[in-house]
Amino acid sequence: MFSSYGENAAYAINISTNIIIAQGQTNTIFFILGLILIYFHFAKVLILIKIAQKITLNYVKYSTFAEIISVIYILMIELNKIYKADCITGLKMIDDASIDLIITSPPYNKAGFNGKNKRTKHCIWNKTIDYGGEVDADNMDEAKYEQWQIEFLNECYRVLKRDGSMFYNHKIRVKHNNISHPIEWISQSKFNCRQIITWDRTNSPNQDTCRYVPTTELIFWLTKSNKNPRFKRSPDALFKTDVWRMPPSKQGKHPAPFPIELPDNIIPSVSMGERIIVLDPFMGSGTTAVSAIKNGCDYIGFDLLEEYIDMSNERIRNMEK
């Protein structure tokens, strides 16, 4: 899926034609799109077959021309690119068991979790995050958010190789003096939680006197089974214990990037000197991609906001200078 193929284009046309005959004339548009793409992307015929099969068999789901083009665009995924797509759409276009490592941090849904009346005079426990003016990213109904995260984690499980790992950054949130722990929905996914790493951020903008100052987030090391994954802790690891002490990063206009030290402490221990594929479905400011390149690996990323994709690509271009 992630490389070029030299298969005979006539085979793809034949497959597309058979699907059209089976599905009826209403799917002719898919055949025409397939021919156009074959003309411009002859070396990616196997991907075109996948396009023809997935789109024609899901005609109702992808009902508008814009949606069809979007799906075709994502289906032609290449390594070392960041695509404009939500995490679920992007993940569904990746083959089963094809990714070595996933490092990511989703929005925390602070506004949706706490509601509009979360701030009081004496206690401002959670601050809503504004992702490029997109308020909905941090303002979902909490039940829907947790179901979304379970669906997301299960898609990550599917694309991960049998011996792969996922490092999932999230935090404990507080509402009405009760905590909500991410393990509550992680445990409902297909993943095995191998280890919980504490990220000591060293400081906090939250200086409320109603609680001890919260300075930590969590990194959940998730695997597909309780067997040992592909991993050998690097002798050069920045942090060798399960407490990683590093201040938060600042990357342009992105409100919540994690520091480069986070993926830098993971990738070498998983890659073990080989060129693996690293995925970040919430690429944000591009830190995971930068670390993958720095450590001699390939990457794939998804993000919904164009300004963050541009920010990431600029960071990558600056590395190449």
C-alpha atoms as a PDB file:
ATOM      1  CA  MET A   1       0.000   0.000   0.000  1.00  0.00           C
ATOM      2  CA  PHE A   2       2.856   2.382   0.761  1.00  0.00           C
ATOM      3  CA  SER A   3       4.933   1.819  -2.399  1.00  0.00           C
ATOM      4  CA  SER A   4       4.592   1.897  -6.194  1.00  0.00           C
ATOM      5  CA  TYR A   5       3.439  -1.134  -8.177  1.00  0.00           C
ATOM      6  CA  GLY A   6       3.933  -2.052 -11.855  1.00  0.00           C
ATOM      7  CA  GLU A   7       0.885  -4.252 -12.363  1.00  0.00           C
ATOM      8  CA  ASN A   8      -0.981  -4.228 -15.663  1.00  0.00           C
ATOM      9  CA  ALA A   9      -3.461  -1.347 -15.873  1.00  0.00           C
ATOM     10  CA  ALA A  10      -5.821  -3.493 -17.918  1.00  0.00           C
ATOM     11  CA  TYR A  11      -6.347  -5.689 -14.887  1.00  0.00           C
ATOM     12  CA  ALA A  12      -7.585  -2.731 -12.851  1.00  0.00           C
ATOM     13  CA  ILE A  13      -9.880  -1.668 -15.692  1.00  0.00           C
ATOM     14  CA  ASN A  14     -11.273  -5.199 -15.900  1.00  0.00           C
ATOM     15  CA  ILE A  15     -11.929  -5.286 -12.154  1.00  0.00           C
ATOM     16  CA  SER A  16     -13.620  -1.875 -12.295  1.00  0.00           C
ATOM     17  CA  THR A  17     -15.777  -2.954 -15.262  1.00  0.00           C
ATOM     18  CA  ASN A  18     -16.925  -6.106 -13.492  1.00  0.00           C
ATOM     19  CA  ILE A  19     -17.888  -4.111 -10.422  1.00  0.00           C
ATOM     20  CA  ILE A  20     -19.821  -1.607 -12.535  1.00  0.00           C
ATOM     21  CA  ILE A  21     -21.742  -4.376 -14.305  1.00  0.00           C
ATOM     22  CA  ALA A  22     -22.590  -5.911 -10.938  1.00  0.00           C
ATOM     23  CA  GLN A  23     -23.600  -2.618  -9.335  1.00  0.00           C
ATOM     24  CA  GLY A  24     -25.472  -1.056 -12.256  1.00  0.00           C
ATOM     25  CA  GLN A  25     -24.973   1.957 -14.494  1.00  0.00           C
ATOM     26  CA  THR A  26     -25.215   4.409 -11.612  1.00  0.00           C
ATOM     27  CA  ASN A  27     -21.616   3.586 -10.764  1.00  0.00           C
ATOM     28  CA  THR A  28     -20.216   4.568 -14.163  1.00  0.00           C
ATOM     29  CA  ILE A  29     -18.699   7.679 -12.607  1.00  0.00           C
ATOM     30  CA  PHE A  30     -16.406   5.496 -10.519  1.00  0.00           C
ATOM     31  CA  PHE A  31     -15.150   3.704 -13.624  1.00  0.00           C
ATOM     32  CA  ILE A  32     -14.408   7.032 -15.318  1.00  0.00           C
ATOM     33  CA  LEU A  33     -12.559   8.291 -12.246  1.00  0.00           C
ATOM     34  CA  GLY A  34     -10.588   5.065 -12.189  1.00  0.00           C
ATOM     35  CA  LEU A  35      -9.508   5.529 -15.819  1.00  0.00           C
ATOM     36  CA  ILE A  36      -8.418   9.104 -15.124  1.00  0.00           C
ATOM     37  CA  LEU A  37      -6.371   8.030 -12.149  1.00  0.00           C
ATOM     38  CA  ILE A  38      -4.825   5.157 -14.098  1.00  0.00           C
ATOM     39  CA  TYR A  39      -3.691   7.649 -16.716  1.00  0.00           C
ATOM     40  CA  PHE A  40      -2.002   9.908 -14.173  1.00  0.00           C
ATOM     41  CA  HIS A  41      -0.907   7.267 -11.658  1.00  0.00           C
ATOM     42  CA  PHE A  42      -0.058   4.193 -13.730  1.00  0.00           C
ATOM     43  CA  ALA A  43       2.378   2.916 -11.100  1.00  0.00           C
ATOM     44  CA  LYS A  44      -0.336   2.739  -8.425  1.00  0.00           C
ATOM     45  CA  VAL A  45      -2.721   0.306 -10.062  1.00  0.00           C
ATOM     46  CA  LEU A  46      -3.195  -1.837  -6.981  1.00  0.00           C
ATOM     47  CA  ILE A  47      -4.359   1.234  -5.105  1.00  0.00           C
ATOM     48  CA  LEU A  48      -6.786   1.994  -7.933  1.00  0.00           C
ATOM     49  CA  ILE A  49      -8.230  -1.494  -7.584  1.00  0.00           C
ATOM     50  CA  LYS A  50      -8.817  -0.750  -3.925  1.00  0.00           C
ATOM     51  CA  ILE A  51     -10.471   2.552  -4.846  1.00  0.00           C
ATOM     52  CA  ALA A  52     -12.817   0.830  -7.291  1.00  0.00           C
ATOM     53  CA  GLN A  53     -13.745  -1.885  -4.827  1.00  0.00           C
ATOM     54  CA  LYS A  54     -14.231   0.316  -1.753  1.00  0.00           C
ATOM     55  CA  ILE A  55     -16.112   3.145  -3.429  1.00  0.00           C
ATOM     56  CA  THR A  56     -18.419   1.105  -5.675  1.00  0.00           C
ATOM     57  CA  LEU A  57     -19.341  -1.244  -2.852  1.00  0.00           C
ATOM     58  CA  ASN A  58     -20.072   1.726  -0.581  1.00  0.00           C
ATOM     59  CA  TYR A  59     -21.900   3.927  -3.060  1.00  0.00           C
ATOM     60  CA  VAL A  60     -24.535   5.034  -0.569  1.00  0.00           C
ATOM     61  CA  LYS A  61     -21.977   6.000   2.056  1.00  0.00           C
ATOM     62  CA  TYR A  62     -19.972   8.233  -0.304  1.00  0.00           C
ATOM     63  CA  SER A  63     -22.907   9.971  -1.929  1.00  0.00           C
ATOM     64  CA  THR A  64     -21.487  13.279  -3.097  1.00  0.00           C
ATOM     65  CA  PHE A  65     -18.813  13.957  -5.667  1.00  0.00           C
ATOM     66  CA  ALA A  66     -16.716  15.887  -3.114  1.00  0.00           C
ATOM     67  CA  GLU A  67     -16.794  12.941  -0.714  1.00  0.00           C
ATOM     68  CA  ILE A  68     -15.791  10.557  -3.502  1.00  0.00           C
ATOM     69  CA  ILE A  69     -12.787  12.687  -4.431  1.00  0.00           C
ATOM     70  CA  SER A  70     -11.806  12.984  -0.757  1.00  0.00           C
ATOM     71  CA  VAL A  71     -11.868   9.226  -0.294  1.00  0.00           C
ATOM     72  CA  ILE A  72      -9.886   8.637  -3.492  1.00  0.00           C
ATOM     73  CA  TYR A  73      -7.292  11.155  -2.309  1.00  0.00           C
ATOM     74  CA  ILE A  74      -6.862   9.391   1.026  1.00  0.00           C
ATOM     75  CA  LEU A  75      -6.814   5.929  -0.570  1.00  0.00           C
ATOM     76  CA  MET A  76      -3.671   6.921  -2.449  1.00  0.00           C
ATOM     77  CA  ILE A  77      -1.681   7.277   0.776  1.00  0.00           C
ATOM     78  CA  GLU A  78       2.066   7.526   0.462  1.00  0.00           C
ATOM     79  CA  LEU A  79       4.720   7.491   3.115  1.00  0.00           C
ATOM     80  CA  ASN A  80       6.175  10.716   4.515  1.00  0.00           C
ATOM     81  CA  LYS A  81       3.112  12.854   3.901  1.00  0.00           C
ATOM     82  CA  ILE A  82       0.506  14.523   6.090  1.00  0.00           C
ATOM     83  CA  TYR A  83      -3.062  14.295   4.838  1.00  0.00           C
ATOM     84  CA  LYS A  84      -6.020  16.540   5.544  1.00  0.00           C
ATOM     85  CA  ALA A  85      -8.488  14.078   7.057  1.00  0.00           C
ATOM     86  CA  ASP A  86     -10.090  13.256  10.359  1.00  0.00           C
ATOM     87  CA  CYS A  87      -8.459  10.408  12.249  1.00  0.00           C
ATOM     88  CA  ILE A  88     -11.141   7.773  11.597  1.00  0.00           C
ATOM     89  CA  THR A  89     -11.383   8.449   7.846  1.00  0.00           C
ATOM     90  CA  GLY A  90      -7.628   8.350   7.492  1.00  0.00           C
ATOM     91  CA  LEU A  91      -7.224   5.164   9.524  1.00  0.00           C
ATOM     92  CA  LYS A  92      -9.895   3.338   7.531  1.00  0.00           C
ATOM     93  CA  MET A  93      -7.796   3.820   4.407  1.00  0.00           C
ATOM     94  CA  ILE A  94      -4.767   2.064   5.902  1.00  0.00           C
ATOM     95  CA  ASP A  95      -4.317  -1.680   5.512  1.00  0.00           C
ATOM     96  CA  ASP A  96      -4.551  -4.084   8.421  1.00  0.00           C
ATOM     97  CA  ALA A  97      -1.331  -4.745  10.354  1.00  0.00           C
ATOM     98  CA  SER A  98       0.771  -2.315   8.297  1.00  0.00           C
ATOM     99  CA  ILE A  99       1.994   0.185  10.921  1.00  0.00           C
ATOM    100  CA  ASP A 100       4.887  -0.409  13.316  1.00  0.00           C
ATOM    101  CA  LEU A 101       4.339   2.428  15.772  1.00  0.00           C
ATOM    102  CA  ILE A 102       1.627   4.976  16.616  1.00  0.00           C
ATOM    103  CA  ILE A 103       2.390   8.066  18.701  1.00  0.00           C
ATOM    104  CA  THR A 104      -0.425  10.540  19.190  1.00  0.00           C
ATOM    105  CA  SER A 105      -2.388  12.807  21.495  1.00  0.00           C
ATOM    106  CA  PRO A 106      -6.079  13.539  20.787  1.00  0.00           C
ATOM    107  CA  PRO A 107      -8.010  16.625  21.894  1.00  0.00           C
ATOM    108  CA  TYR A 108      -8.952  16.237  25.564  1.00  0.00           C
ATOM    109  CA  ASN A 109     -12.546  17.495  25.208  1.00  0.00           C
ATOM    110  CA  LYS A 110     -12.127  19.905  28.095  1.00  0.00           C
ATOM    111  CA  ALA A 111     -15.093  22.097  27.174  1.00  0.00           C
ATOM    112  CA  GLY A 112     -17.370  19.142  26.498  1.00  0.00           C
ATOM    113  CA  PHE A 113     -16.322  17.441  29.718  1.00  0.00           C
ATOM    114  CA  ASN A 114     -16.588  20.442  32.007  1.00  0.00           C
ATOM    115  CA  GLY A 115     -19.392  22.397  30.417  1.00  0.00           C
ATOM    116  CA  LYS A 116     -19.616  26.161  30.185  1.00  0.00           C
ATOM    117  CA  ASN A 117     -19.742  26.698  33.940  1.00  0.00           C
ATOM    118  CA  LYS A 118     -16.387  25.099  34.757  1.00  0.00           C
ATOM    119  CA  ARG A 119     -14.751  28.322  36.007  1.00  0.00           C
ATOM    120  CA  THR A 120     -15.288  29.753  39.462  1.00  0.00           C
ATOM    121  CA  LYS A 121     -13.651  32.654  41.236  1.00  0.00           C
ATOM    122  CA  HIS A 122     -11.382  30.413  43.288  1.00  0.00           C
ATOM    123  CA  CYS A 123     -10.945  27.365  41.061  1.00  0.00           C
ATOM    124  CA  ILE A 124     -10.166  27.337  37.330  1.00  0.00           C
ATOM    125  CA  TRP A 125      -9.329  23.653  36.994  1.00  0.00           C
ATOM    126  CA  ASN A 126      -9.528  23.050  33.240  1.00  0.00           C
ATOM    127  CA  LYS A 127      -8.920  25.496  30.445  1.00  0.00           C
ATOM    128  CA  THR A 128     -10.635  24.977  27.111  1.00  0.00           C
ATOM    129  CA  ILE A 129      -8.245  24.510  24.188  1.00  0.00           C
ATOM    130  CA  ASP A 130      -8.894  26.414  20.969  1.00  0.00           C
ATOM    131  CA  TYR A 131      -7.618  24.484  17.932  1.00  0.00           C
ATOM    132  CA  GLY A 132      -7.263  27.106  15.227  1.00  0.00           C
ATOM    133  CA  GLY A 133     -10.659  28.583  16.016  1.00  0.00           C
ATOM    134  CA  GLU A 134     -12.279  25.130  15.787  1.00  0.00           C
ATOM    135  CA  VAL A 135     -14.218  24.964  19.058  1.00  0.00           C
ATOM    136  CA  ASP A 136     -16.014  21.684  18.315  1.00  0.00           C
ATOM    137  CA  ALA A 137     -12.737  19.750  18.533  1.00  0.00           C
ATOM    138  CA  ASP A 138     -12.729  20.391  22.279  1.00  0.00           C
ATOM    139  CA  ASN A 139     -16.468  20.528  22.880  1.00  0.00           C
ATOM    140  CA  MET A 140     -18.162  17.162  22.290  1.00  0.00           C
ATOM    141  CA  ASP A 141     -20.784  15.494  24.404  1.00  0.00           C
ATOM    142  CA  GLU A 142     -18.602  13.495  26.809  1.00  0.00           C
ATOM    143  CA  ALA A 143     -20.344  10.167  26.172  1.00  0.00           C
ATOM    144  CA  LYS A 144     -19.904  10.638  22.413  1.00  0.00           C
ATOM    145  CA  TYR A 145     -16.295  11.676  22.951  1.00  0.00           C
ATOM    146  CA  GLU A 146     -15.480   8.508  24.840  1.00  0.00           C
ATOM    147  CA  GLN A 147     -17.212   6.346  22.218  1.00  0.00           C
ATOM    148  CA  TRP A 148     -15.264   8.199  19.535  1.00  0.00           C
ATOM    149  CA  GLN A 149     -12.031   7.461  21.360  1.00  0.00           C
ATOM    150  CA  ILE A 150     -12.921   3.764  21.645  1.00  0.00           C
ATOM    151  CA  GLU A 151     -13.657   3.638  17.904  1.00  0.00           C
ATOM    152  CA  PHE A 152     -10.417   5.501  17.228  1.00  0.00           C
ATOM    153  CA  LEU A 153      -8.371   3.146  19.400  1.00  0.00           C
ATOM    154  CA  ASN A 154      -9.901   0.088  17.737  1.00  0.00           C
ATOM    155  CA  GLU A 155      -8.980   1.441  14.299  1.00  0.00           C
ATOM    156  CA  CYS A 156      -5.438   2.004  15.561  1.00  0.00           C
ATOM    157  CA  TYR A 157      -5.447  -1.579  16.848  1.00  0.00           C
ATOM    158  CA  ARG A 158      -6.436  -2.836  13.400  1.00  0.00           C
ATOM    159  CA  VAL A 159      -3.706  -1.036  11.458  1.00  0.00           C
ATOM    160  CA  LEU A 160      -0.971  -1.850  13.977  1.00  0.00           C
ATOM    161  CA  LYS A 161       1.301  -4.805  13.313  1.00  0.00           C
ATOM    162  CA  ARG A 162       1.069  -7.813  15.629  1.00  0.00           C
ATOM    163  CA  ASP A 163       4.227  -6.742  17.486  1.00  0.00           C
ATOM    164  CA  GLY A 164       3.552  -3.002  17.172  1.00  0.00           C
ATOM    165  CA  SER A 165       3.025  -0.404  19.877  1.00  0.00           C
ATOM    166  CA  MET A 166       0.852   2.641  20.383  1.00  0.00           C
ATOM    167  CA  PHE A 167       1.799   5.478  22.747  1.00  0.00           C
ATOM    168  CA  TYR A 168      -1.363   7.394  23.576  1.00  0.00           C
ATOM    169  CA  ASN A 169      -0.982  10.705  25.433  1.00  0.00           C
ATOM    170  CA  HIS A 170      -3.952  11.872  27.513  1.00  0.00           C
ATOM    171  CA  LYS A 171      -4.632  13.210  30.996  1.00  0.00           C
ATOM    172  CA  ILE A 172      -6.790  12.847  34.075  1.00  0.00           C
ATOM    173  CA  ARG A 173      -9.596  15.402  34.001  1.00  0.00           C
ATOM    174  CA  VAL A 174     -11.647  16.672  36.946  1.00  0.00           C
ATOM    175  CA  LYS A 175     -15.335  17.560  37.155  1.00  0.00           C
ATOM    176  CA  HIS A 176     -17.420  18.181  40.281  1.00  0.00           C
ATOM    177  CA  ASN A 177     -14.446  17.131  42.395  1.00  0.00           C
ATOM    178  CA  ASN A 178     -14.285  13.701  40.717  1.00  0.00           C
ATOM    179  CA  ILE A 179     -11.602  12.517  38.317  1.00  0.00           C
ATOM    180  CA  SER A 180     -12.148  10.957  34.903  1.00  0.00           C
ATOM    181  CA  HIS A 181      -9.313   8.607  33.959  1.00  0.00           C
ATOM    182  CA  PRO A 182      -8.571   7.688  30.298  1.00  0.00           C
ATOM    183  CA  ILE A 183      -8.194   4.033  31.299  1.00  0.00           C
ATOM    184  CA  GLU A 184     -11.999   4.020  31.597  1.00  0.00           C
ATOM    185  CA  TRP A 185     -12.370   4.002  27.799  1.00  0.00           C
ATOM    186  CA  ILE A 186      -9.002   2.457  26.948  1.00  0.00           C
ATOM    187  CA  SER A 187     -10.098  -0.666  28.830  1.00  0.00           C
ATOM    188  CA  GLN A 188     -13.181  -0.853  26.570  1.00  0.00           C
ATOM    189  CA  SER A 189     -11.017  -0.966  23.437  1.00  0.00           C
ATOM    190  CA  LYS A 190      -9.249  -4.015  22.022  1.00  0.00           C
ATOM    191  CA  PHE A 191      -5.864  -2.864  23.292  1.00  0.00           C
ATOM    192  CA  ASN A 192      -3.775  -4.328  26.079  1.00  0.00           C
ATOM    193  CA  CYS A 193      -2.343  -1.618  28.345  1.00  0.00           C
ATOM    194  CA  ARG A 194       1.295  -2.605  28.813  1.00  0.00           C
ATOM    195  CA  GLN A 195       2.482   0.367  30.860  1.00  0.00           C
ATOM    196  CA  ILE A 196       1.424   3.825  32.014  1.00  0.00           C
ATOM    197  CA  ILE A 197       4.156   6.441  31.774  1.00  0.00           C
ATOM    198  CA  THR A 198       3.931   9.679  33.728  1.00  0.00           C
ATOM    199  CA  TRP A 199       4.849  12.845  31.874  1.00  0.00           C
ATOM    200  CA  ASP A 200       6.002  15.389  34.448  1.00  0.00           C
ATOM    201  CA  ARG A 201       5.484  18.711  32.689  1.00  0.00           C
ATOM    202  CA  THR A 202       7.456  20.468  35.496  1.00  0.00           C
ATOM    203  CA  ASN A 203       4.967  23.347  35.654  1.00  0.00           C
ATOM    204  CA  SER A 204       1.351  24.253  35.104  1.00  0.00           C
ATOM    205  CA  PRO A 205      -0.614  27.346  34.097  1.00  0.00           C
ATOM    206  CA  ASN A 206      -3.204  26.192  36.613  1.00  0.00           C
ATOM    207  CA  GLN A 207      -2.253  27.686  39.965  1.00  0.00           C
ATOM    208  CA  ASP A 208      -5.606  27.207  41.676  1.00  0.00           C
ATOM    209  CA  THR A 209      -5.513  26.818  45.432  1.00  0.00           C
ATOM    210  CA  CYS A 210      -8.431  24.370  45.530  1.00  0.00           C
ATOM    211  CA  ARG A 211      -6.095  21.413  44.788  1.00  0.00           C
ATOM    212  CA  TYR A 212      -2.432  20.518  44.565  1.00  0.00           C
ATOM    213  CA  VAL A 213      -1.099  21.959  41.318  1.00  0.00           C
ATOM    214  CA  PRO A 214      -1.540  19.428  38.475  1.00  0.00           C
ATOM    215  CA  THR A 215       1.742  19.054  36.561  1.00  0.00           C
ATOM    216  CA  THR A 216       1.414  15.596  35.015  1.00  0.00           C
ATOM    217  CA  GLU A 217      -0.107  13.921  31.993  1.00  0.00           C
ATOM    218  CA  LEU A 218      -0.095  10.235  31.080  1.00  0.00           C
ATOM    219  CA  ILE A 219       1.318   8.233  28.185  1.00  0.00           C
ATOM    220  CA  PHE A 220      -0.368   4.858  27.756  1.00  0.00           C
ATOM    221  CA  TRP A 221       1.776   2.187  26.108  1.00  0.00           C
ATOM    222  CA  LEU A 222      -0.762   0.003  24.270  1.00  0.00           C
ATOM    223  CA  THR A 223      -0.090  -3.321  22.526  1.00  0.00           C
ATOM    224  CA  LYS A 224      -2.150  -5.930  20.692  1.00  0.00           C
ATOM    225  CA  SER A 225      -1.480  -8.694  23.218  1.00  0.00           C
ATOM    226  CA  ASN A 226       0.302  -9.376  26.488  1.00  0.00           C
ATOM    227  CA  LYS A 227       3.303 -10.732  24.586  1.00  0.00           C
ATOM    228  CA  ASN A 228       6.429  -8.631  24.282  1.00  0.00           C
ATOM    229  CA  PRO A 229       6.191  -6.155  21.382  1.00  0.00           C
ATOM    230  CA  ARG A 230       8.980  -5.000  19.124  1.00  0.00           C
ATOM    231  CA  PHE A 231      11.010  -3.012  21.659  1.00  0.00           C
ATOM    232  CA  LYS A 232      14.461  -2.818  23.195  1.00  0.00           C
ATOM    233  CA  ARG A 233      15.095   0.207  25.364  1.00  0.00           C
ATOM    234  CA  SER A 234      17.837   2.233  23.750  1.00  0.00           C
ATOM    235  CA  PRO A 235      20.969   2.753  25.849  1.00  0.00           C
ATOM    236  CA  ASP A 236      20.750   6.381  24.724  1.00  0.00           C
ATOM    237  CA  ALA A 237      17.139   6.799  25.885  1.00  0.00           C
ATOM    238  CA  LEU A 238      16.530  10.235  27.337  1.00  0.00           C
ATOM    239  CA  PHE A 239      14.373   8.726  30.082  1.00  0.00           C
ATOM    240  CA  LYS A 240      14.869   5.156  31.292  1.00  0.00           C
ATOM    241  CA  THR A 241      12.167   5.091  33.977  1.00  0.00           C
ATOM    242  CA  ASP A 242       8.394   5.447  33.727  1.00  0.00           C
ATOM    243  CA  VAL A 243       8.557   9.123  34.722  1.00  0.00           C
ATOM    244  CA  TRP A 244       9.563  11.477  31.909  1.00  0.00           C
ATOM    245  CA  ARG A 245      10.398  14.971  33.090  1.00  0.00           C
ATOM    246  CA  MET A 246      10.136  17.494  30.239  1.00  0.00           C
ATOM    247  CA  PRO A 247       8.487  20.899  29.936  1.00  0.00           C
ATOM    248  CA  PRO A 248       5.729  21.360  27.349  1.00  0.00           C
ATOM    249  CA  SER A 249       6.700  22.600  23.919  1.00  0.00           C
ATOM    250  CA  LYS A 250       5.594  25.671  21.986  1.00  0.00           C
ATOM    251  CA  GLN A 251       5.123  25.384  18.237  1.00  0.00           C
ATOM    252  CA  GLY A 252       3.662  28.448  16.536  1.00  0.00           C
ATOM    253  CA  LYS A 253      -0.085  28.706  16.843  1.00  0.00           C
ATOM    254  CA  HIS A 254      -0.727  25.137  17.947  1.00  0.00           C
ATOM    255  CA  PRO A 255      -2.084  25.278  21.522  1.00  0.00           C
ATOM    256  CA  ALA A 256      -0.990  21.853  22.807  1.00  0.00           C
ATOM    257  CA  PRO A 257       2.059  20.277  21.132  1.00  0.00           C
ATOM    258  CA  PHE A 258       4.024  17.664  23.013  1.00  0.00           C
ATOM    259  CA  PRO A 259       7.812  18.136  23.178  1.00  0.00           C
ATOM    260  CA  ILE A 260      10.141  16.487  20.653  1.00  0.00           C
ATOM    261  CA  GLU A 261      11.689  14.542  23.542  1.00  0.00           C
ATOM    262  CA  LEU A 262       8.506  12.469  23.816  1.00  0.00           C
ATOM    263  CA  PRO A 263       8.708  10.708  20.415  1.00  0.00           C
ATOM    264  CA  ASP A 264      12.518  10.867  20.549  1.00  0.00           C
ATOM    265  CA  ASN A 265      12.393   8.697  23.662  1.00  0.00           C
ATOM    266  CA  ILE A 266      10.153   6.139  21.930  1.00  0.00           C
ATOM    267  CA  ILE A 267      11.127   5.733  18.283  1.00  0.00           C
ATOM    268  CA  PRO A 268      14.740   4.494  18.651  1.00  0.00           C
ATOM    269  CA  SER A 269      13.684   1.836  21.173  1.00  0.00           C
ATOM    270  CA  VAL A 270      10.992   0.527  18.810  1.00  0.00           C
ATOM    271  CA  SER A 271      12.862   0.900  15.513  1.00  0.00           C
ATOM    272  CA  MET A 272      16.096  -0.634  16.857  1.00  0.00           C
ATOM    273  CA  GLY A 273      18.012   0.888  13.964  1.00  0.00           C
ATOM    274  CA  GLU A 274      15.555  -0.160  11.238  1.00  0.00           C
ATOM    275  CA  ARG A 275      13.353   2.048   9.070  1.00  0.00           C
ATOM    276  CA  ILE A 276       9.873   1.563  10.510  1.00  0.00           C
ATOM    277  CA  ILE A 277       6.566   3.326   9.772  1.00  0.00           C
ATOM    278  CA  VAL A 278       5.380   5.771  12.429  1.00  0.00           C
ATOM    279  CA  LEU A 279       1.774   7.024  12.361  1.00  0.00           C
ATOM    280  CA  ASP A 280       0.253  10.051  14.079  1.00  0.00           C
ATOM    281  CA  PRO A 281      -3.504  10.388  13.390  1.00  0.00           C
ATOM    282  CA  PHE A 282      -3.552  13.754  15.229  1.00  0.00           C
ATOM    283  CA  MET A 283      -0.389  15.176  13.696  1.00  0.00           C
ATOM    284  CA  GLY A 284      -0.911  18.739  14.959  1.00  0.00           C
ATOM    285  CA  SER A 285       2.312  20.728  14.689  1.00  0.00           C
ATOM    286  CA  GLY A 286       4.249  17.798  13.180  1.00  0.00           C
ATOM    287  CA  THR A 287       6.418  16.770  16.134  1.00  0.00           C
ATOM    288  CA  THR A 288       5.993  13.031  15.482  1.00  0.00           C
ATOM    289  CA  ALA A 289       6.975  13.473  11.818  1.00  0.00           C
ATOM    290  CA  VAL A 290      10.030  15.540  12.729  1.00  0.00           C
ATOM    291  CA  SER A 291      11.140  12.889  15.226  1.00  0.00           C
ATOM    292  CA  ALA A 292      10.566  10.069  12.709  1.00  0.00           C
ATOM    293  CA  ILE A 293      12.774  11.791  10.142  1.00  0.00           C
ATOM    294  CA  LYS A 294      15.373  12.595  12.779  1.00  0.00           C
ATOM    295  CA  ASN A 295      15.504   8.916  13.765  1.00  0.00           C
ATOM    296  CA  GLY A 296      15.647   7.519  10.221  1.00  0.00           C
ATOM    297  CA  CYS A 297      12.022   6.345   9.953  1.00  0.00           C
ATOM    298  CA  ASP A 298       9.016   6.934   7.696  1.00  0.00           C
ATOM    299  CA  TYR A 299       5.842   8.663   8.852  1.00  0.00           C
ATOM    300  CA  ILE A 300       2.186   9.135   7.972  1.00  0.00           C
ATOM    301  CA  GLY A 301       0.011  11.821   9.506  1.00  0.00           C
ATOM    302  CA  PHE A 302      -3.551  13.116   9.493  1.00  0.00           C
ATOM    303  CA  ASP A 303      -4.968  16.431  10.624  1.00  0.00           C
ATOM    304  CA  LEU A 304      -8.154  18.359   9.907  1.00  0.00           C
ATOM    305  CA  LEU A 305      -6.717  21.874   9.989  1.00  0.00           C
ATOM    306  CA  GLU A 306      -4.799  23.174   6.990  1.00  0.00           C
ATOM    307  CA  GLU A 307      -2.808  25.651   9.060  1.00  0.00           C
ATOM    308  CA  TYR A 308      -1.396  22.839  11.209  1.00  0.00           C
ATOM    309  CA  ILE A 309      -0.498  20.777   8.133  1.00  0.00           C
ATOM    310  CA  ASP A 310       1.301  23.821   6.703  1.00  0.00           C
ATOM    311  CA  MET A 311       3.062  24.332  10.038  1.00  0.00           C
ATOM    312  CA  SER A 312       4.197  20.697  10.057  1.00  0.00           C
ATOM    313  CA  ASN A 313       5.432  20.775   6.479  1.00  0.00           C
ATOM    314  CA  GLU A 314       7.368  23.966   7.144  1.00  0.00           C
ATOM    315  CA  ARG A 315       9.114  22.310  10.108  1.00  0.00           C
ATOM    316  CA  ILE A 316       9.972  19.333   7.897  1.00  0.00           C
ATOM    317  CA  ARG A 317      11.303  21.563   5.113  1.00  0.00           C
ATOM    318  CA  ASN A 318      13.450  23.421   7.631  1.00  0.00           C
ATOM    319  CA  MET A 319      15.010  20.105   8.659  1.00  0.00           C
ATOM    320  CA  GLU A 320      16.082  19.475   5.080  1.00  0.00           C
ATOM    321  CA  LYS A 321      17.899  22.780   4.674  1.00  0.00           C
END
